[in-house]
Amino acid sequence: MSGEKMIQKFQEKVQAATNVATPTGAGVAGVGALTFNEWLALGGFLLALGGFVINWYYQHKRYELMKQDIENDKT
């Protein structure tokens, strides 16, 4: 393998490592930027949001069933 090919292979490997390291470093910095209390607040918010979505979904299904029952009673 010639010197130029070795340099090119090395540059490709460094570029691949850089493509992985940049988002990983950004993610680690983002995780480290929040305190424990902020993580708990974020978790509480996500749980509340999930509860809201689940509640909305089942209330919507309940409404549809009630509407279907009313239509069936009319016939």
PDB file of N, CA and C in Angstrom:
ATOM      1  N   MET A   1       0.864  -1.173   0.000  1.00  0.00           N
ATOM      2  CA  MET A   1       0.000   0.000   0.000  1.00  0.00           C
ATOM      3  C   MET A   1       0.904   1.227   0.000  1.00  0.00           C
ATOM      4  N   SER A   2       0.608   2.147  -0.896  1.00  0.00           N
ATOM      5  CA  SER A   2       1.444   3.338  -0.994  1.00  0.00           C
ATOM      6  C   SER A   2       1.137   4.311   0.136  1.00  0.00           C
ATOM      7  N   GLY A   3       2.036   5.274   0.313  1.00  0.00           N
ATOM      8  CA  GLY A   3       1.883   6.260   1.375  1.00  0.00           C
ATOM      9  C   GLY A   3       0.627   7.090   1.218  1.00  0.00           C
ATOM     10  N   GLU A   4       0.291   7.453  -0.011  1.00  0.00           N
ATOM     11  CA  GLU A   4      -0.903   8.276  -0.254  1.00  0.00           C
ATOM     12  C   GLU A   4      -2.185   7.519   0.086  1.00  0.00           C
ATOM     13  N   LYS A   5      -2.216   6.234  -0.241  1.00  0.00           N
ATOM     14  CA  LYS A   5      -3.391   5.432   0.068  1.00  0.00           C
ATOM     15  C   LYS A   5      -3.557   5.265   1.577  1.00  0.00           C
ATOM     16  N   MET A   6      -2.428   5.110   2.283  1.00  0.00           N
ATOM     17  CA  MET A   6      -2.485   4.983   3.737  1.00  0.00           C
ATOM     18  C   MET A   6      -3.005   6.275   4.360  1.00  0.00           C
ATOM     19  N   ILE A   7      -2.544   7.397   3.850  1.00  0.00           N
ATOM     20  CA  ILE A   7      -3.002   8.689   4.360  1.00  0.00           C
ATOM     21  C   ILE A   7      -4.491   8.863   4.085  1.00  0.00           C
ATOM     22  N   GLN A   8      -4.923   8.482   2.889  1.00  0.00           N
ATOM     23  CA  GLN A   8      -6.337   8.601   2.534  1.00  0.00           C
ATOM     24  C   GLN A   8      -7.197   7.708   3.433  1.00  0.00           C
ATOM     25  N   LYS A   9      -6.756   6.464   3.676  1.00  0.00           N
ATOM     26  CA  LYS A   9      -7.495   5.562   4.562  1.00  0.00           C
ATOM     27  C   LYS A   9      -7.566   6.135   5.977  1.00  0.00           C
ATOM     28  N   PHE A  10      -6.442   6.686   6.448  1.00  0.00           N
ATOM     29  CA  PHE A  10      -6.410   7.277   7.779  1.00  0.00           C
ATOM     30  C   PHE A  10      -7.375   8.453   7.861  1.00  0.00           C
ATOM     31  N   GLN A  11      -7.390   9.302   6.850  1.00  0.00           N
ATOM     32  CA  GLN A  11      -8.297  10.449   6.842  1.00  0.00           C
ATOM     33  C   GLN A  11      -9.753  10.004   6.823  1.00  0.00           C
ATOM     34  N   GLU A  12     -10.051   8.939   6.092  1.00  0.00           N
ATOM     35  CA  GLU A  12     -11.419   8.415   6.069  1.00  0.00           C
ATOM     36  C   GLU A  12     -11.837   7.903   7.448  1.00  0.00           C
ATOM     37  N   LYS A  13     -10.927   7.219   8.143  1.00  0.00           N
ATOM     38  CA  LYS A  13     -11.242   6.707   9.475  1.00  0.00           C
ATOM     39  C   LYS A  13     -11.416   7.843  10.475  1.00  0.00           C
ATOM     40  N   VAL A  14     -10.592   8.875  10.361  1.00  0.00           N
ATOM     41  CA  VAL A  14     -10.731  10.024  11.246  1.00  0.00           C
ATOM     42  C   VAL A  14     -12.057  10.726  10.978  1.00  0.00           C
ATOM     43  N   GLN A  15     -12.437  10.854   9.721  1.00  0.00           N
ATOM     44  CA  GLN A  15     -13.709  11.483   9.366  1.00  0.00           C
ATOM     45  C   GLN A  15     -14.886  10.678   9.916  1.00  0.00           C
ATOM     46  N   ALA A  16     -14.813   9.353   9.817  1.00  0.00           N
ATOM     47  CA  ALA A  16     -15.890   8.508  10.344  1.00  0.00           C
ATOM     48  C   ALA A  16     -15.983   8.654  11.862  1.00  0.00           C
ATOM     49  N   ALA A  17     -14.841   8.693  12.539  1.00  0.00           N
ATOM     50  CA  ALA A  17     -14.851   8.856  13.994  1.00  0.00           C
ATOM     51  C   ALA A  17     -15.404  10.218  14.375  1.00  0.00           C
ATOM     52  N   THR A  18     -15.090  11.236  13.611  1.00  0.00           N
ATOM     53  CA  THR A  18     -15.590  12.581  13.878  1.00  0.00           C
ATOM     54  C   THR A  18     -17.097  12.639  13.688  1.00  0.00           C
ATOM     55  N   ASN A  19     -17.611  11.938  12.682  1.00  0.00           N
ATOM     56  CA  ASN A  19     -19.056  11.921  12.437  1.00  0.00           C
ATOM     57  C   ASN A  19     -19.813  11.294  13.599  1.00  0.00           C
ATOM     58  N   VAL A  20     -19.199  10.370  14.314  1.00  0.00           N
ATOM     59  CA  VAL A  20     -19.830   9.738  15.474  1.00  0.00           C
ATOM     60  C   VAL A  20     -19.612  10.576  16.726  1.00  0.00           C
ATOM     61  N   ALA A  21     -18.428  11.123  16.877  1.00  0.00           N
ATOM     62  CA  ALA A  21     -18.058  11.815  18.109  1.00  0.00           C
ATOM     63  C   ALA A  21     -18.807  13.126  18.292  1.00  0.00           C
ATOM     64  N   THR A  22     -19.087  13.838  17.234  1.00  0.00           N
ATOM     65  CA  THR A  22     -19.734  15.148  17.370  1.00  0.00           C
ATOM     66  C   THR A  22     -21.130  15.050  17.975  1.00  0.00           C
ATOM     67  N   PRO A  23     -22.059  14.257  17.431  1.00  0.00           N
ATOM     68  CA  PRO A  23     -23.370  14.170  18.070  1.00  0.00           C
ATOM     69  C   PRO A  23     -23.318  13.524  19.459  1.00  0.00           C
ATOM     70  N   THR A  24     -22.386  12.589  19.652  1.00  0.00           N
ATOM     71  CA  THR A  24     -22.259  11.962  20.964  1.00  0.00           C
ATOM     72  C   THR A  24     -21.831  12.984  22.009  1.00  0.00           C
ATOM     73  N   GLY A  25     -20.861  13.804  21.648  1.00  0.00           N
ATOM     74  CA  GLY A  25     -20.408  14.854  22.563  1.00  0.00           C
ATOM     75  C   GLY A  25     -21.501  15.855  22.860  1.00  0.00           C
ATOM     76  N   ALA A  26     -22.269  16.198  21.856  1.00  0.00           N
ATOM     77  CA  ALA A  26     -23.378  17.136  22.059  1.00  0.00           C
ATOM     78  C   ALA A  26     -24.429  16.525  22.984  1.00  0.00           C
ATOM     79  N   GLY A  27     -24.702  15.246  22.814  1.00  0.00           N
ATOM     80  CA  GLY A  27     -25.675  14.575  23.687  1.00  0.00           C
ATOM     81  C   GLY A  27     -25.203  14.505  25.126  1.00  0.00           C
ATOM     82  N   VAL A  28     -23.934  14.196  25.319  1.00  0.00           N
ATOM     83  CA  VAL A  28     -23.383  14.136  26.675  1.00  0.00           C
ATOM     84  C   VAL A  28     -23.416  15.512  27.313  1.00  0.00           C
ATOM     85  N   ALA A  29     -23.089  16.541  26.547  1.00  0.00           N
ATOM     86  CA  ALA A  29     -23.137  17.907  27.082  1.00  0.00           C
ATOM     87  C   ALA A  29     -24.564  18.288  27.450  1.00  0.00           C
ATOM     88  N   GLY A  30     -25.531  17.891  26.631  1.00  0.00           N
ATOM     89  CA  GLY A  30     -26.932  18.188  26.933  1.00  0.00           C
ATOM     90  C   GLY A  30     -27.406  17.487  28.186  1.00  0.00           C
ATOM     91  N   VAL A  31     -27.001  16.235  28.367  1.00  0.00           N
ATOM     92  CA  VAL A  31     -27.384  15.489  29.566  1.00  0.00           C
ATOM     93  C   VAL A  31     -26.750  16.113  30.796  1.00  0.00           C
ATOM     94  N   GLY A  32     -25.507  16.513  30.687  1.00  0.00           N
ATOM     95  CA  GLY A  32     -24.807  17.102  31.817  1.00  0.00           C
ATOM     96  C   GLY A  32     -25.274  18.502  32.162  1.00  0.00           C
ATOM     97  N   ALA A  33     -25.968  19.142  31.235  1.00  0.00           N
ATOM     98  CA  ALA A  33     -26.405  20.518  31.470  1.00  0.00           C
ATOM     99  C   ALA A  33     -27.604  20.580  32.410  1.00  0.00           C
ATOM    100  N   LEU A  34     -28.320  19.472  32.586  1.00  0.00           N
ATOM    101  CA  LEU A  34     -29.498  19.458  33.442  1.00  0.00           C
ATOM    102  C   LEU A  34     -29.155  18.895  34.818  1.00  0.00           C
ATOM    103  N   THR A  35     -29.704  19.509  35.846  1.00  0.00           N
ATOM    104  CA  THR A  35     -29.522  18.995  37.199  1.00  0.00           C
ATOM    105  C   THR A  35     -30.498  17.848  37.441  1.00  0.00           C
ATOM    106  N   PHE A  36     -30.327  17.171  38.562  1.00  0.00           N
ATOM    107  CA  PHE A  36     -31.201  16.049  38.902  1.00  0.00           C
ATOM    108  C   PHE A  36     -32.647  16.513  39.032  1.00  0.00           C
ATOM    109  N   ASN A  37     -32.852  17.660  39.652  1.00  0.00           N
ATOM    110  CA  ASN A  37     -34.214  18.187  39.807  1.00  0.00           C
ATOM    111  C   ASN A  37     -34.836  18.523  38.461  1.00  0.00           C
ATOM    112  N   GLU A  38     -34.038  19.023  37.536  1.00  0.00           N
ATOM    113  CA  GLU A  38     -34.568  19.321  36.208  1.00  0.00           C
ATOM    114  C   GLU A  38     -34.946  18.042  35.470  1.00  0.00           C
ATOM    115  N   TRP A  39     -34.150  16.983  35.643  1.00  0.00           N
ATOM    116  CA  TRP A  39     -34.496  15.698  35.036  1.00  0.00           C
ATOM    117  C   TRP A  39     -35.799  15.155  35.610  1.00  0.00           C
ATOM    118  N   LEU A  40     -35.973  15.301  36.930  1.00  0.00           N
ATOM    119  CA  LEU A  40     -37.218  14.849  37.553  1.00  0.00           C
ATOM    120  C   LEU A  40     -38.405  15.664  37.047  1.00  0.00           C
ATOM    121  N   ALA A  41     -38.211  16.962  36.887  1.00  0.00           N
ATOM    122  CA  ALA A  41     -39.289  17.805  36.368  1.00  0.00           C
ATOM    123  C   ALA A  41     -39.633  17.403  34.939  1.00  0.00           C
ATOM    124  N   LEU A  42     -38.622  17.138  34.138  1.00  0.00           N
ATOM    125  CA  LEU A  42     -38.856  16.713  32.759  1.00  0.00           C
ATOM    126  C   LEU A  42     -39.587  15.372  32.728  1.00  0.00           C
ATOM    127  N   GLY A  43     -39.170  14.440  33.595  1.00  0.00           N
ATOM    128  CA  GLY A  43     -39.853  13.145  33.666  1.00  0.00           C
ATOM    129  C   GLY A  43     -41.305  13.298  34.093  1.00  0.00           C
ATOM    130  N   GLY A  44     -41.560  14.176  35.074  1.00  0.00           N
ATOM    131  CA  GLY A  44     -42.935  14.420  35.504  1.00  0.00           C
ATOM    132  C   GLY A  44     -43.778  15.010  34.398  1.00  0.00           C
ATOM    133  N   PHE A  45     -43.188  15.934  33.654  1.00  0.00           N
ATOM    134  CA  PHE A  45     -43.907  16.538  32.529  1.00  0.00           C
ATOM    135  C   PHE A  45     -44.241  15.488  31.476  1.00  0.00           C
ATOM    136  N   LEU A  46     -43.275  14.623  31.162  1.00  0.00           N
ATOM    137  CA  LEU A  46     -43.522  13.590  30.149  1.00  0.00           C
ATOM    138  C   LEU A  46     -44.583  12.588  30.623  1.00  0.00           C
ATOM    139  N   LEU A  47     -44.560  12.246  31.903  1.00  0.00           N
ATOM    140  CA  LEU A  47     -45.602  11.358  32.433  1.00  0.00           C
ATOM    141  C   LEU A  47     -46.977  12.018  32.363  1.00  0.00           C
ATOM    142  N   ALA A  48     -47.048  13.297  32.718  1.00  0.00           N
ATOM    143  CA  ALA A  48     -48.326  14.006  32.648  1.00  0.00           C
ATOM    144  C   ALA A  48     -48.811  14.095  31.208  1.00  0.00           C
ATOM    145  N   LEU A  49     -47.904  14.374  30.295  1.00  0.00           N
ATOM    146  CA  LEU A  49     -48.272  14.448  28.882  1.00  0.00           C
ATOM    147  C   LEU A  49     -48.759  13.099  28.376  1.00  0.00           C
ATOM    148  N   GLY A  50     -48.061  12.028  28.773  1.00  0.00           N
ATOM    149  CA  GLY A  50     -48.490  10.686  28.387  1.00  0.00           C
ATOM    150  C   GLY A  50     -49.861  10.356  28.951  1.00  0.00           C
ATOM    151  N   GLY A  51     -50.102  10.736  30.201  1.00  0.00           N
ATOM    152  CA  GLY A  51     -51.421  10.510  30.805  1.00  0.00           C
ATOM    153  C   GLY A  51     -52.506  11.276  30.089  1.00  0.00           C
ATOM    154  N   PHE A  52     -52.203  12.500  29.699  1.00  0.00           N
ATOM    155  CA  PHE A  52     -53.175  13.303  28.957  1.00  0.00           C
ATOM    156  C   PHE A  52     -53.517  12.649  27.620  1.00  0.00           C
ATOM    157  N   VAL A  53     -52.500  12.194  26.912  1.00  0.00           N
ATOM    158  CA  VAL A  53     -52.729  11.576  25.593  1.00  0.00           C
ATOM    159  C   VAL A  53     -53.546  10.291  25.737  1.00  0.00           C
ATOM    160  N   ILE A  54     -53.202   9.462  26.709  1.00  0.00           N
ATOM    161  CA  ILE A  54     -53.947   8.210  26.915  1.00  0.00           C
ATOM    162  C   ILE A  54     -55.387   8.513  27.306  1.00  0.00           C
ATOM    163  N   ASN A  55     -55.592   9.465  28.199  1.00  0.00           N
ATOM    164  CA  ASN A  55     -56.936   9.842  28.620  1.00  0.00           C
ATOM    165  C   ASN A  55     -57.746  10.378  27.431  1.00  0.00           C
ATOM    166  N   TRP A  56     -57.129  11.214  26.627  1.00  0.00           N
ATOM    167  CA  TRP A  56     -57.826  11.761  25.459  1.00  0.00           C
ATOM    168  C   TRP A  56     -58.225  10.632  24.513  1.00  0.00           C
ATOM    169  N   TYR A  57     -57.322   9.690  24.276  1.00  0.00           N
ATOM    170  CA  TYR A  57     -57.587   8.590  23.357  1.00  0.00           C
ATOM    171  C   TYR A  57     -58.794   7.774  23.817  1.00  0.00           C
ATOM    172  N   TYR A  58     -58.806   7.394  25.093  1.00  0.00           N
ATOM    173  CA  TYR A  58     -59.903   6.563  25.580  1.00  0.00           C
ATOM    174  C   TYR A  58     -61.208   7.340  25.725  1.00  0.00           C
ATOM    175  N   GLN A  59     -61.153   8.622  26.025  1.00  0.00           N
ATOM    176  CA  GLN A  59     -62.372   9.428  26.051  1.00  0.00           C
ATOM    177  C   GLN A  59     -62.941   9.543  24.644  1.00  0.00           C
ATOM    178  N   HIS A  60     -62.067   9.679  23.669  1.00  0.00           N
ATOM    179  CA  HIS A  60     -62.510   9.747  22.274  1.00  0.00           C
ATOM    180  C   HIS A  60     -63.174   8.432  21.866  1.00  0.00           C
ATOM    181  N   LYS A  61     -62.568   7.295  22.229  1.00  0.00           N
ATOM    182  CA  LYS A  61     -63.166   5.991  21.928  1.00  0.00           C
ATOM    183  C   LYS A  61     -64.518   5.846  22.626  1.00  0.00           C
ATOM    184  N   ARG A  62     -64.592   6.291  23.877  1.00  0.00           N
ATOM    185  CA  ARG A  62     -65.841   6.220  24.629  1.00  0.00           C
ATOM    186  C   ARG A  62     -66.927   7.051  23.947  1.00  0.00           C
ATOM    187  N   TYR A  63     -66.545   8.234  23.506  1.00  0.00           N
ATOM    188  CA  TYR A  63     -67.491   9.095  22.802  1.00  0.00           C
ATOM    189  C   TYR A  63     -67.993   8.419  21.527  1.00  0.00           C
ATOM    190  N   GLU A  64     -67.087   7.807  20.786  1.00  0.00           N
ATOM    191  CA  GLU A  64     -67.484   7.126  19.550  1.00  0.00           C
ATOM    192  C   GLU A  64     -68.439   5.972  19.841  1.00  0.00           C
ATOM    193  N   LEU A  65     -68.172   5.214  20.902  1.00  0.00           N
ATOM    194  CA  LEU A  65     -69.069   4.103  21.259  1.00  0.00           C
ATOM    195  C   LEU A  65     -70.443   4.609  21.685  1.00  0.00           C
ATOM    196  N   MET A  66     -70.460   5.696  22.463  1.00  0.00           N
ATOM    197  CA  MET A  66     -71.734   6.262  22.887  1.00  0.00           C
ATOM    198  C   MET A  66     -72.520   6.768  21.670  1.00  0.00           C
ATOM    199  N   LYS A  67     -71.828   7.379  20.762  1.00  0.00           N
ATOM    200  CA  LYS A  67     -72.465   7.878  19.541  1.00  0.00           C
ATOM    201  C   LYS A  67     -73.032   6.712  18.727  1.00  0.00           C
ATOM    202  N   GLN A  68     -72.281   5.624  18.659  1.00  0.00           N
ATOM    203  CA  GLN A  68     -72.725   4.430  17.935  1.00  0.00           C
ATOM    204  C   GLN A  68     -73.948   3.828  18.606  1.00  0.00           C
ATOM    205  N   ASP A  69     -73.969   3.793  19.950  1.00  0.00           N
ATOM    206  CA  ASP A  69     -75.124   3.274  20.685  1.00  0.00           C
ATOM    207  C   ASP A  69     -76.368   4.103  20.425  1.00  0.00           C
ATOM    208  N   ILE A  70     -76.211   5.414  20.401  1.00  0.00           N
ATOM    209  CA  ILE A  70     -77.351   6.295  20.149  1.00  0.00           C
ATOM    210  C   ILE A  70     -77.896   6.074  18.744  1.00  0.00           C
ATOM    211  N   GLU A  71     -76.983   5.911  17.775  1.00  0.00           N
ATOM    212  CA  GLU A  71     -77.429   5.666  16.396  1.00  0.00           C
ATOM    213  C   GLU A  71     -78.123   4.308  16.283  1.00  0.00           C
ATOM    214  N   ASN A  72     -77.655   3.318  17.014  1.00  0.00           N
ATOM    215  CA  ASN A  72     -78.277   1.994  16.985  1.00  0.00           C
ATOM    216  C   ASN A  72     -79.654   2.010  17.668  1.00  0.00           C
ATOM    217  N   ASP A  73     -79.801   2.838  18.695  1.00  0.00           N
ATOM    218  CA  ASP A  73     -81.080   2.935  19.379  1.00  0.00           C
ATOM    219  C   ASP A  73     -82.139   3.599  18.494  1.00  0.00           C
ATOM    220  N   LYS A  74     -81.722   4.480  17.605  1.00  0.00           N
ATOM    221  CA  LYS A  74     -82.640   5.172  16.721  1.00  0.00           C
ATOM    222  C   LYS A  74     -83.225   4.232  15.653  1.00  0.00           C
ATOM    223  N   THR A  75     -82.491   3.194  15.328  1.00  0.00           N
ATOM    224  CA  THR A  75     -82.974   2.296  14.266  1.00  0.00           C
ATOM    225  C   THR A  75     -83.777   1.156  14.796  1.00  0.00           C
TER     226      THR A  75
END
